[in-house]
């Protein structure tokens, strides 16, 4: 429980980041994801990670698209109010993943392939990270309410 205080404070500070920076971070991340998804041979670090265990690429898809959904949610938040809901954020991340899989099949089919399980992993990651972000956002909002309207102290 002691970790929750600094986590909430850090999350509240992230909401204060100007929108143009949040959109820039999202665009940069999406650019890196696009490059990684469409490059015929990923960098050596990714190749080494893919050798850890048989389905590690699905775990990587889960994490990459979870973070994408998290960044999209962050970019769409203005003054602590989410400007778009679950459908926009999660389906946006899933649609981007589907688009990347289709581009793999069209542009780099000699080295990469379209896989339905990648889309499932993308979707699960986006959904799970959305849930985590919602949980954290509710905790931040509750903590802010406590600071704005503290309960009166009863003298003993």
N, C-alpha and C. Protein backbone atom coordinates (compact mmCIF):
# COMPACT_ATOMS: atom_id res chain seq x y z
N UNK A 1 0.81 -1.19 0.00
CA UNK A 1 0.00 0.00 0.00
C UNK A 1 0.85 1.26 0.00
N UNK A 2 2.10 1.17 0.54
CA UNK A 2 2.97 2.33 0.57
C UNK A 2 3.38 2.76 -0.84
N UNK A 3 3.44 1.82 -1.76
CA UNK A 3 3.81 2.11 -3.14
C UNK A 3 2.72 2.91 -3.85
N UNK A 4 1.49 2.77 -3.44
CA UNK A 4 0.37 3.40 -4.13
C UNK A 4 0.45 4.92 -4.09
N UNK A 5 0.92 5.50 -2.99
CA UNK A 5 1.02 6.97 -2.88
C UNK A 5 1.92 7.56 -3.95
N UNK A 6 3.19 7.13 -4.04
CA UNK A 6 4.06 7.66 -5.10
C UNK A 6 3.56 7.35 -6.50
N UNK A 7 2.93 6.20 -6.68
CA UNK A 7 2.38 5.85 -7.99
C UNK A 7 1.28 6.82 -8.38
N UNK A 8 0.41 7.15 -7.43
CA UNK A 8 -0.67 8.09 -7.72
C UNK A 8 -0.12 9.48 -8.00
N UNK A 9 0.88 9.88 -7.26
CA UNK A 9 1.51 11.19 -7.47
C UNK A 9 2.15 11.25 -8.85
N UNK A 10 2.85 10.19 -9.24
CA UNK A 10 3.47 10.13 -10.56
C UNK A 10 2.43 10.17 -11.67
N UNK A 11 1.33 9.45 -11.49
CA UNK A 11 0.27 9.44 -12.49
C UNK A 11 -0.37 10.82 -12.61
N UNK A 12 -0.56 11.49 -11.49
CA UNK A 12 -1.13 12.84 -11.52
C UNK A 12 -0.20 13.81 -12.24
N UNK A 13 1.10 13.66 -12.04
CA UNK A 13 2.06 14.52 -12.73
C UNK A 13 2.06 14.26 -14.23
N UNK A 14 1.87 13.01 -14.63
CA UNK A 14 1.82 12.70 -16.06
C UNK A 14 0.64 13.40 -16.74
N UNK A 15 -0.44 13.59 -16.01
CA UNK A 15 -1.60 14.26 -16.59
C UNK A 15 -1.33 15.74 -16.83
N UNK A 16 -0.33 16.30 -16.14
CA UNK A 16 -0.01 17.72 -16.30
C UNK A 16 0.90 17.99 -17.50
N UNK A 17 1.37 16.95 -18.15
CA UNK A 17 2.24 17.11 -19.32
C UNK A 17 1.40 17.74 -20.45
N UNK A 18 1.93 18.76 -21.12
CA UNK A 18 1.17 19.40 -22.21
C UNK A 18 0.76 18.41 -23.29
N UNK A 19 -0.39 18.68 -23.89
CA UNK A 19 -0.97 17.77 -24.89
C UNK A 19 -0.03 17.54 -26.07
N UNK A 20 0.66 18.58 -26.53
CA UNK A 20 1.53 18.42 -27.70
C UNK A 20 2.66 17.45 -27.41
N UNK A 21 3.13 17.40 -26.16
CA UNK A 21 4.17 16.43 -25.80
C UNK A 21 3.59 15.03 -25.76
N UNK A 22 2.38 14.89 -25.19
CA UNK A 22 1.74 13.57 -25.13
C UNK A 22 1.51 13.02 -26.54
N UNK A 23 1.01 13.87 -27.45
CA UNK A 23 0.79 13.43 -28.83
C UNK A 23 2.11 13.12 -29.52
N UNK A 24 3.15 13.88 -29.20
CA UNK A 24 4.47 13.62 -29.76
C UNK A 24 5.03 12.28 -29.32
N UNK A 25 4.85 11.98 -28.03
CA UNK A 25 5.31 10.68 -27.50
C UNK A 25 4.55 9.55 -28.19
N UNK A 26 3.24 9.71 -28.33
CA UNK A 26 2.43 8.69 -29.01
C UNK A 26 2.87 8.51 -30.45
N UNK A 27 3.09 9.62 -31.17
CA UNK A 27 3.52 9.53 -32.56
C UNK A 27 4.89 8.86 -32.68
N UNK A 28 5.80 9.22 -31.79
CA UNK A 28 7.13 8.59 -31.81
C UNK A 28 7.05 7.11 -31.54
N UNK A 29 6.25 6.73 -30.55
CA UNK A 29 6.09 5.31 -30.22
C UNK A 29 5.47 4.56 -31.40
N UNK A 30 4.42 5.15 -31.99
CA UNK A 30 3.77 4.50 -33.14
C UNK A 30 4.75 4.37 -34.30
N UNK A 31 5.62 5.35 -34.48
CA UNK A 31 6.63 5.25 -35.53
C UNK A 31 7.60 4.11 -35.30
N UNK A 32 8.04 3.95 -34.06
CA UNK A 32 8.95 2.84 -33.73
C UNK A 32 8.24 1.50 -33.93
N UNK A 33 6.98 1.42 -33.48
CA UNK A 33 6.22 0.18 -33.65
C UNK A 33 6.06 -0.13 -35.14
N UNK A 34 5.74 0.88 -35.93
CA UNK A 34 5.58 0.67 -37.38
C UNK A 34 6.88 0.14 -37.98
N UNK A 35 7.98 0.76 -37.61
CA UNK A 35 9.27 0.31 -38.14
C UNK A 35 9.56 -1.14 -37.72
N UNK A 36 9.33 -1.45 -36.45
CA UNK A 36 9.60 -2.81 -35.97
C UNK A 36 8.70 -3.84 -36.65
N UNK A 37 7.44 -3.46 -36.90
CA UNK A 37 6.50 -4.41 -37.51
C UNK A 37 6.77 -4.61 -38.99
N UNK A 38 7.35 -3.60 -39.65
CA UNK A 38 7.50 -3.69 -41.10
C UNK A 38 8.93 -3.93 -41.56
N UNK A 39 9.87 -3.93 -40.64
CA UNK A 39 11.25 -4.20 -41.05
C UNK A 39 11.40 -5.71 -41.32
N UNK A 40 12.03 -6.06 -42.42
CA UNK A 40 12.18 -7.49 -42.74
C UNK A 40 12.97 -8.26 -41.68
N UNK A 41 14.00 -7.64 -41.13
CA UNK A 41 14.74 -8.33 -40.07
C UNK A 41 14.90 -7.38 -38.88
N UNK A 42 14.22 -7.68 -37.79
CA UNK A 42 14.27 -6.82 -36.60
C UNK A 42 15.69 -6.71 -36.05
N UNK A 43 15.96 -5.68 -35.24
CA UNK A 43 17.29 -5.52 -34.64
C UNK A 43 17.69 -6.72 -33.79
N UNK A 44 18.98 -6.87 -33.56
CA UNK A 44 19.52 -8.02 -32.83
C UNK A 44 18.89 -8.25 -31.47
N UNK A 45 18.59 -7.17 -30.74
CA UNK A 45 17.99 -7.31 -29.41
C UNK A 45 16.63 -8.00 -29.50
N UNK A 46 15.84 -7.64 -30.51
CA UNK A 46 14.53 -8.27 -30.70
C UNK A 46 14.71 -9.74 -31.07
N UNK A 47 15.67 -10.03 -31.93
CA UNK A 47 15.94 -11.42 -32.33
C UNK A 47 16.31 -12.25 -31.10
N UNK A 48 17.17 -11.70 -30.23
CA UNK A 48 17.55 -12.42 -29.01
C UNK A 48 16.34 -12.65 -28.11
N UNK A 49 15.47 -11.65 -27.99
CA UNK A 49 14.27 -11.79 -27.16
C UNK A 49 13.35 -12.86 -27.72
N UNK A 50 13.28 -12.97 -29.05
CA UNK A 50 12.40 -13.97 -29.67
C UNK A 50 12.86 -15.39 -29.41
N UNK A 51 14.10 -15.57 -28.99
CA UNK A 51 14.63 -16.91 -28.71
C UNK A 51 14.43 -17.34 -27.25
N UNK A 52 13.83 -16.49 -26.42
CA UNK A 52 13.68 -16.81 -24.99
C UNK A 52 12.78 -18.02 -24.76
N UNK A 53 11.62 -18.05 -25.40
CA UNK A 53 10.70 -19.19 -25.30
C UNK A 53 9.79 -19.17 -26.53
N UNK A 54 9.10 -20.27 -26.83
CA UNK A 54 8.41 -20.42 -28.11
C UNK A 54 7.41 -19.30 -28.47
N UNK A 55 6.61 -18.82 -27.56
CA UNK A 55 5.58 -17.83 -27.90
C UNK A 55 5.91 -16.43 -27.41
N UNK A 56 7.19 -16.12 -27.29
CA UNK A 56 7.59 -14.81 -26.78
C UNK A 56 7.09 -13.68 -27.69
N UNK A 57 6.96 -13.94 -28.98
CA UNK A 57 6.47 -12.87 -29.86
C UNK A 57 5.05 -12.45 -29.50
N UNK A 58 4.25 -13.39 -29.00
CA UNK A 58 2.87 -13.03 -28.59
C UNK A 58 2.90 -12.15 -27.34
N UNK A 59 3.84 -12.44 -26.44
CA UNK A 59 4.00 -11.61 -25.24
C UNK A 59 4.45 -10.20 -25.65
N UNK A 60 5.36 -10.13 -26.61
CA UNK A 60 5.81 -8.83 -27.09
C UNK A 60 4.67 -8.05 -27.74
N UNK A 61 3.84 -8.72 -28.53
CA UNK A 61 2.66 -8.06 -29.12
C UNK A 61 1.74 -7.55 -28.02
N UNK A 62 1.50 -8.36 -27.00
CA UNK A 62 0.66 -7.97 -25.87
C UNK A 62 1.18 -6.68 -25.24
N UNK A 63 2.48 -6.65 -24.95
CA UNK A 63 3.09 -5.49 -24.29
C UNK A 63 3.12 -4.26 -25.20
N UNK A 64 3.51 -4.44 -26.44
CA UNK A 64 3.64 -3.31 -27.37
C UNK A 64 2.29 -2.64 -27.60
N UNK A 65 1.24 -3.43 -27.82
CA UNK A 65 -0.07 -2.83 -28.10
C UNK A 65 -0.77 -2.41 -26.82
N UNK A 66 -0.40 -2.99 -25.69
CA UNK A 66 -0.89 -2.48 -24.41
C UNK A 66 -0.35 -1.09 -24.14
N UNK A 67 0.94 -0.91 -24.36
CA UNK A 67 1.55 0.41 -24.18
C UNK A 67 0.98 1.40 -25.20
N UNK A 68 0.73 0.96 -26.42
CA UNK A 68 0.13 1.83 -27.43
C UNK A 68 -1.24 2.33 -26.95
N UNK A 69 -2.07 1.44 -26.42
CA UNK A 69 -3.38 1.84 -25.91
C UNK A 69 -3.22 2.80 -24.73
N UNK A 70 -2.26 2.53 -23.88
CA UNK A 70 -2.01 3.40 -22.73
C UNK A 70 -1.60 4.80 -23.19
N UNK A 71 -0.71 4.88 -24.16
CA UNK A 71 -0.28 6.19 -24.67
C UNK A 71 -1.41 6.90 -25.41
N UNK A 72 -2.24 6.16 -26.12
CA UNK A 72 -3.39 6.77 -26.80
C UNK A 72 -4.37 7.33 -25.78
N UNK A 73 -4.60 6.59 -24.72
CA UNK A 73 -5.49 7.07 -23.65
C UNK A 73 -4.91 8.33 -23.01
N UNK A 74 -3.61 8.33 -22.78
CA UNK A 74 -2.93 9.47 -22.17
C UNK A 74 -3.04 10.70 -23.08
N UNK A 75 -2.84 10.50 -24.38
CA UNK A 75 -2.90 11.61 -25.32
C UNK A 75 -4.31 12.19 -25.42
N UNK A 76 -5.31 11.36 -25.23
CA UNK A 76 -6.71 11.81 -25.34
C UNK A 76 -7.28 12.37 -24.05
N UNK A 77 -6.46 12.44 -23.02
CA UNK A 77 -6.92 12.96 -21.74
C UNK A 77 -6.58 14.45 -21.66
N UNK A 78 -7.59 15.26 -21.39
CA UNK A 78 -7.41 16.71 -21.28
C UNK A 78 -7.98 17.16 -19.94
N UNK A 79 -7.16 17.83 -19.15
CA UNK A 79 -7.58 18.31 -17.82
C UNK A 79 -8.20 17.17 -17.00
N UNK A 80 -7.53 16.05 -16.98
CA UNK A 80 -7.95 14.87 -16.22
C UNK A 80 -9.27 14.27 -16.73
N UNK A 81 -9.76 14.70 -17.87
CA UNK A 81 -10.98 14.16 -18.43
C UNK A 81 -10.64 13.43 -19.73
N UNK A 82 -10.99 12.17 -19.79
CA UNK A 82 -10.74 11.38 -20.99
C UNK A 82 -11.70 11.85 -22.08
N UNK A 83 -11.16 12.27 -23.22
CA UNK A 83 -11.97 12.79 -24.32
C UNK A 83 -12.52 11.69 -25.21
N UNK A 84 -12.08 10.48 -25.02
CA UNK A 84 -12.58 9.35 -25.80
C UNK A 84 -12.63 8.15 -24.87
N UNK A 85 -13.52 7.25 -25.16
CA UNK A 85 -13.70 6.12 -24.27
C UNK A 85 -13.01 4.85 -24.71
N UNK A 86 -13.44 3.79 -24.09
CA UNK A 86 -12.90 2.45 -24.32
C UNK A 86 -12.88 2.12 -25.81
N UNK A 87 -13.99 2.38 -26.48
CA UNK A 87 -14.11 2.00 -27.88
C UNK A 87 -13.04 2.67 -28.72
N UNK A 88 -12.85 3.96 -28.55
CA UNK A 88 -11.87 4.69 -29.34
C UNK A 88 -10.45 4.21 -29.06
N UNK A 89 -10.12 4.08 -27.79
CA UNK A 89 -8.75 3.74 -27.41
C UNK A 89 -8.42 2.29 -27.76
N UNK A 90 -9.19 1.36 -27.25
CA UNK A 90 -8.88 -0.06 -27.46
C UNK A 90 -9.06 -0.45 -28.93
N UNK A 91 -10.18 -0.05 -29.52
CA UNK A 91 -10.37 -0.40 -30.93
C UNK A 91 -9.38 0.33 -31.82
N UNK A 92 -8.95 1.52 -31.42
CA UNK A 92 -7.91 2.23 -32.17
C UNK A 92 -6.61 1.44 -32.17
N UNK A 93 -6.21 0.94 -31.01
CA UNK A 93 -4.98 0.15 -30.91
C UNK A 93 -5.12 -1.17 -31.68
N UNK A 94 -6.28 -1.80 -31.56
CA UNK A 94 -6.51 -3.06 -32.27
C UNK A 94 -6.53 -2.83 -33.78
N UNK A 95 -7.17 -1.77 -34.23
CA UNK A 95 -7.22 -1.46 -35.67
C UNK A 95 -5.82 -1.18 -36.21
N UNK A 96 -5.01 -0.48 -35.43
CA UNK A 96 -3.63 -0.20 -35.84
C UNK A 96 -2.86 -1.52 -35.97
N UNK A 97 -3.05 -2.43 -35.02
CA UNK A 97 -2.39 -3.74 -35.09
C UNK A 97 -2.84 -4.54 -36.30
N UNK A 98 -4.13 -4.51 -36.58
CA UNK A 98 -4.66 -5.21 -37.76
C UNK A 98 -4.08 -4.61 -39.04
N UNK A 99 -4.00 -3.28 -39.08
CA UNK A 99 -3.41 -2.59 -40.22
C UNK A 99 -1.95 -3.00 -40.41
N UNK A 100 -1.20 -3.08 -39.31
CA UNK A 100 0.21 -3.48 -39.39
C UNK A 100 0.34 -4.91 -39.90
N UNK A 101 -0.53 -5.81 -39.43
CA UNK A 101 -0.48 -7.21 -39.90
C UNK A 101 -0.78 -7.28 -41.40
N UNK A 102 -1.75 -6.49 -41.86
CA UNK A 102 -2.07 -6.48 -43.30
C UNK A 102 -0.90 -5.93 -44.10
N UNK A 103 -0.26 -4.86 -43.59
CA UNK A 103 0.90 -4.31 -44.29
C UNK A 103 2.05 -5.32 -44.33
N UNK A 104 2.21 -6.09 -43.25
CA UNK A 104 3.25 -7.13 -43.27
C UNK A 104 2.99 -8.11 -44.40
N UNK A 105 1.73 -8.51 -44.55
CA UNK A 105 1.38 -9.47 -45.59
C UNK A 105 1.59 -8.89 -46.99
N UNK A 106 1.38 -7.57 -47.13
CA UNK A 106 1.50 -6.93 -48.44
C UNK A 106 2.92 -6.48 -48.78
N UNK A 107 3.62 -5.93 -47.79
CA UNK A 107 4.91 -5.28 -48.08
C UNK A 107 6.13 -6.15 -47.81
N UNK A 108 6.08 -6.94 -46.77
CA UNK A 108 7.26 -7.73 -46.40
C UNK A 108 6.90 -9.21 -46.22
N UNK A 109 6.04 -9.70 -47.11
CA UNK A 109 5.58 -11.09 -47.01
C UNK A 109 6.72 -12.09 -47.14
N UNK A 110 7.82 -11.68 -47.78
CA UNK A 110 8.96 -12.58 -47.92
C UNK A 110 9.67 -12.81 -46.59
N UNK A 111 9.47 -11.91 -45.61
CA UNK A 111 10.16 -12.04 -44.32
C UNK A 111 9.20 -12.10 -43.13
N UNK A 112 8.00 -11.56 -43.28
CA UNK A 112 7.03 -11.51 -42.18
C UNK A 112 5.72 -12.09 -42.69
N UNK A 113 4.82 -12.40 -41.75
CA UNK A 113 3.54 -12.96 -42.19
C UNK A 113 2.39 -12.44 -41.32
N UNK A 114 1.20 -12.47 -41.89
CA UNK A 114 -0.02 -12.11 -41.19
C UNK A 114 -0.37 -13.26 -40.25
N UNK A 115 -0.61 -12.96 -38.97
CA UNK A 115 -0.98 -14.00 -38.00
C UNK A 115 -2.16 -13.53 -37.15
N UNK A 116 -3.20 -14.33 -37.13
CA UNK A 116 -4.37 -14.01 -36.31
C UNK A 116 -4.03 -13.98 -34.82
N UNK A 117 -3.14 -14.84 -34.39
CA UNK A 117 -2.78 -14.85 -32.96
C UNK A 117 -2.06 -13.56 -32.55
N UNK A 118 -1.37 -12.93 -33.48
CA UNK A 118 -0.78 -11.62 -33.18
C UNK A 118 -1.88 -10.61 -32.90
N UNK A 119 -2.94 -10.66 -33.69
CA UNK A 119 -4.06 -9.74 -33.50
C UNK A 119 -4.75 -10.01 -32.17
N UNK A 120 -4.88 -11.27 -31.81
CA UNK A 120 -5.46 -11.62 -30.51
C UNK A 120 -4.57 -11.08 -29.38
N UNK A 121 -3.26 -11.26 -29.51
CA UNK A 121 -2.33 -10.74 -28.50
C UNK A 121 -2.40 -9.22 -28.41
N UNK A 122 -2.46 -8.55 -29.57
CA UNK A 122 -2.59 -7.10 -29.59
C UNK A 122 -3.85 -6.66 -28.85
N UNK A 123 -4.95 -7.34 -29.13
CA UNK A 123 -6.23 -6.99 -28.54
C UNK A 123 -6.22 -7.21 -27.03
N UNK A 124 -5.69 -8.33 -26.60
CA UNK A 124 -5.62 -8.60 -25.16
C UNK A 124 -4.74 -7.59 -24.44
N UNK A 125 -3.63 -7.21 -25.05
CA UNK A 125 -2.76 -6.22 -24.45
C UNK A 125 -3.45 -4.87 -24.33
N UNK A 126 -4.11 -4.43 -25.39
CA UNK A 126 -4.82 -3.14 -25.36
C UNK A 126 -5.91 -3.16 -24.30
N UNK A 127 -6.65 -4.26 -24.23
CA UNK A 127 -7.74 -4.38 -23.25
C UNK A 127 -7.19 -4.40 -21.81
N UNK A 128 -6.15 -5.17 -21.57
CA UNK A 128 -5.58 -5.28 -20.22
C UNK A 128 -4.99 -3.95 -19.75
N UNK A 129 -4.25 -3.29 -20.63
CA UNK A 129 -3.65 -2.01 -20.24
C UNK A 129 -4.71 -0.93 -20.06
N UNK A 130 -5.80 -1.02 -20.83
CA UNK A 130 -6.92 -0.10 -20.62
C UNK A 130 -7.48 -0.29 -19.21
N UNK A 131 -7.67 -1.53 -18.84
CA UNK A 131 -8.19 -1.82 -17.49
C UNK A 131 -7.28 -1.29 -16.41
N UNK A 132 -5.97 -1.48 -16.57
CA UNK A 132 -5.01 -0.96 -15.60
C UNK A 132 -5.04 0.56 -15.53
N UNK A 133 -5.15 1.20 -16.69
CA UNK A 133 -5.20 2.66 -16.73
C UNK A 133 -6.48 3.18 -16.08
N UNK A 134 -7.58 2.51 -16.30
CA UNK A 134 -8.84 2.92 -15.67
C UNK A 134 -8.75 2.80 -14.15
N UNK A 135 -8.20 1.70 -13.69
CA UNK A 135 -8.03 1.50 -12.25
C UNK A 135 -7.18 2.63 -11.66
N UNK A 136 -6.07 2.93 -12.32
CA UNK A 136 -5.16 3.96 -11.83
C UNK A 136 -5.82 5.34 -11.89
N UNK A 137 -6.55 5.62 -12.97
CA UNK A 137 -7.23 6.92 -13.10
C UNK A 137 -8.25 7.12 -11.99
N UNK A 138 -8.96 6.07 -11.63
CA UNK A 138 -9.93 6.19 -10.53
C UNK A 138 -9.24 6.45 -9.20
N UNK A 139 -8.10 5.80 -9.00
CA UNK A 139 -7.35 6.02 -7.76
C UNK A 139 -6.81 7.46 -7.69
N UNK A 140 -6.31 7.96 -8.83
CA UNK A 140 -5.80 9.34 -8.87
C UNK A 140 -6.94 10.32 -8.59
N UNK A 141 -8.10 10.11 -9.21
CA UNK A 141 -9.25 11.00 -9.00
C UNK A 141 -9.69 10.97 -7.54
N UNK A 142 -9.71 9.79 -6.94
CA UNK A 142 -10.11 9.69 -5.53
C UNK A 142 -9.10 10.39 -4.63
N UNK A 143 -7.81 10.25 -4.93
CA UNK A 143 -6.77 10.91 -4.13
C UNK A 143 -6.87 12.42 -4.26
N UNK A 144 -7.17 12.90 -5.47
CA UNK A 144 -7.32 14.34 -5.67
C UNK A 144 -8.52 14.88 -4.89
N UNK A 145 -9.59 14.12 -4.84
CA UNK A 145 -10.76 14.54 -4.06
C UNK A 145 -10.43 14.66 -2.58
N UNK A 146 -9.62 13.74 -2.10
CA UNK A 146 -9.23 13.78 -0.69
C UNK A 146 -8.43 15.04 -0.41
N UNK A 147 -7.52 15.40 -1.34
CA UNK A 147 -6.71 16.60 -1.13
C UNK A 147 -7.54 17.87 -1.27
N UNK A 148 -8.56 17.87 -2.14
CA UNK A 148 -9.41 19.04 -2.32
C UNK A 148 -10.39 19.22 -1.17
N UNK A 149 -10.94 18.11 -0.70
CA UNK A 149 -11.95 18.14 0.36
C UNK A 149 -11.56 17.20 1.50
N UNK A 150 -10.54 17.56 2.24
CA UNK A 150 -10.15 16.64 3.33
C UNK A 150 -11.23 16.58 4.39
N UNK A 151 -11.33 15.43 4.98
CA UNK A 151 -12.30 15.27 6.07
C UNK A 151 -11.84 16.09 7.26
N UNK A 152 -12.77 16.72 7.94
CA UNK A 152 -12.37 17.52 9.10
C UNK A 152 -11.76 16.64 10.19
N UNK A 153 -10.72 17.16 10.79
CA UNK A 153 -10.06 16.45 11.88
C UNK A 153 -10.83 16.69 13.18
N UNK A 154 -11.16 15.61 13.85
CA UNK A 154 -11.89 15.72 15.12
C UNK A 154 -10.84 15.72 16.23
N UNK A 155 -10.81 16.80 17.01
CA UNK A 155 -9.82 16.84 18.09
C UNK A 155 -10.12 15.78 19.13
N UNK A 156 -9.08 15.20 19.65
CA UNK A 156 -9.26 14.18 20.69
C UNK A 156 -8.76 14.65 22.02
